[in-house]
Protein backbone atom coordinates (compact mmCIF):
# COMPACT_ATOMS: atom_id res chain seq x y z
CA UNK A 1 -9.45 -1.57 -24.78
CA UNK A 2 -6.87 0.20 -22.66
CA UNK A 3 -3.72 1.74 -24.05
CA UNK A 4 -0.25 1.04 -22.66
CA UNK A 5 -0.16 4.44 -20.93
CA UNK A 6 -3.46 3.70 -19.04
CA UNK A 7 -2.12 0.31 -18.02
CA UNK A 8 1.01 1.84 -16.77
CA UNK A 9 -0.80 4.33 -14.73
CA UNK A 10 -2.85 1.52 -13.12
CA UNK A 11 0.20 -0.44 -11.97
CA UNK A 12 2.07 2.79 -10.97
CA UNK A 13 -1.00 4.04 -9.13
CA UNK A 14 -1.22 0.77 -7.12
CA UNK A 15 2.49 1.01 -6.23
CA UNK A 16 2.14 4.70 -5.19
CA UNK A 17 -0.98 3.97 -3.15
CA UNK A 18 0.69 0.93 -1.66
CA UNK A 19 3.60 2.92 -0.53
CA UNK A 20 1.34 5.55 0.94
CA UNK A 21 -0.47 2.89 2.99
CA UNK A 22 2.74 1.41 4.22
CA UNK A 23 3.97 4.87 5.43
CA UNK A 24 0.58 5.66 6.92
CA UNK A 25 0.51 2.28 8.62
CA UNK A 26 4.03 2.69 10.11
CA UNK A 27 2.97 6.16 11.47
CA UNK A 28 -0.14 4.63 13.12
CA UNK A 29 1.84 1.79 14.52
CA UNK A 30 4.47 4.07 16.04
CA UNK A 31 1.79 6.42 17.39
CA UNK A 32 0.08 3.46 18.98
CA UNK A 33 3.40 2.54 20.65
CA UNK A 34 3.90 6.13 21.94
CA UNK A 35 0.36 6.39 23.40
CA UNK A 36 0.22 2.74 24.41
CA UNK A 37 -2.75 1.98 22.22
CA UNK A 38 -2.65 -1.69 21.09
CA UNK A 39 -5.62 -1.11 18.71
CA UNK A 40 -3.76 1.70 16.96
CA UNK A 41 -0.61 -0.55 16.67
CA UNK A 42 -2.64 -3.42 15.20
CA UNK A 43 -4.40 -1.00 12.78
CA UNK A 44 -1.07 0.28 11.61
CA UNK A 45 0.38 -3.15 11.10
CA UNK A 46 -2.71 -4.23 9.15
CA UNK A 47 -2.51 -1.03 6.95
CA UNK A 48 1.18 -1.73 6.31
CA UNK A 49 0.33 -5.31 5.12
CA UNK A 50 -2.36 -3.93 2.89
CA UNK A 51 0.18 -1.58 1.41
CA UNK A 52 2.68 -4.32 0.74
CA UNK A 53 0.04 -6.35 -0.99
CA UNK A 54 -1.15 -3.37 -3.14
CA UNK A 55 2.40 -2.76 -4.19
CA UNK A 56 2.72 -6.50 -5.24
CA UNK A 57 -0.53 -6.11 -7.14
CA UNK A 58 0.98 -3.19 -8.98
CA UNK A 59 3.99 -5.38 -9.88
CA UNK A 60 1.82 -8.09 -11.09
CA UNK A 61 -0.22 -5.77 -13.18
CA UNK A 62 2.95 -4.42 -14.79
CA UNK A 63 4.17 -7.85 -15.61
CA UNK A 64 0.84 -8.94 -17.26
CA UNK A 65 0.35 -5.47 -18.85
CA UNK A 66 -2.89 -4.58 -16.98
């Protein structure tokens, strides 16, 4: 059984990793715009979406204590 501290780390880790994906995705998207690379722009948008989802997962884990 996990302790409260381990559970908190899991939800917090998801939030931090989600934020990192959002930032990284934004950087990719903007780089794609600068270099006129539609693939890089799309990859950046997808990574941002993944980051937002991961942050929400962290929020949900925190609510349910997982």
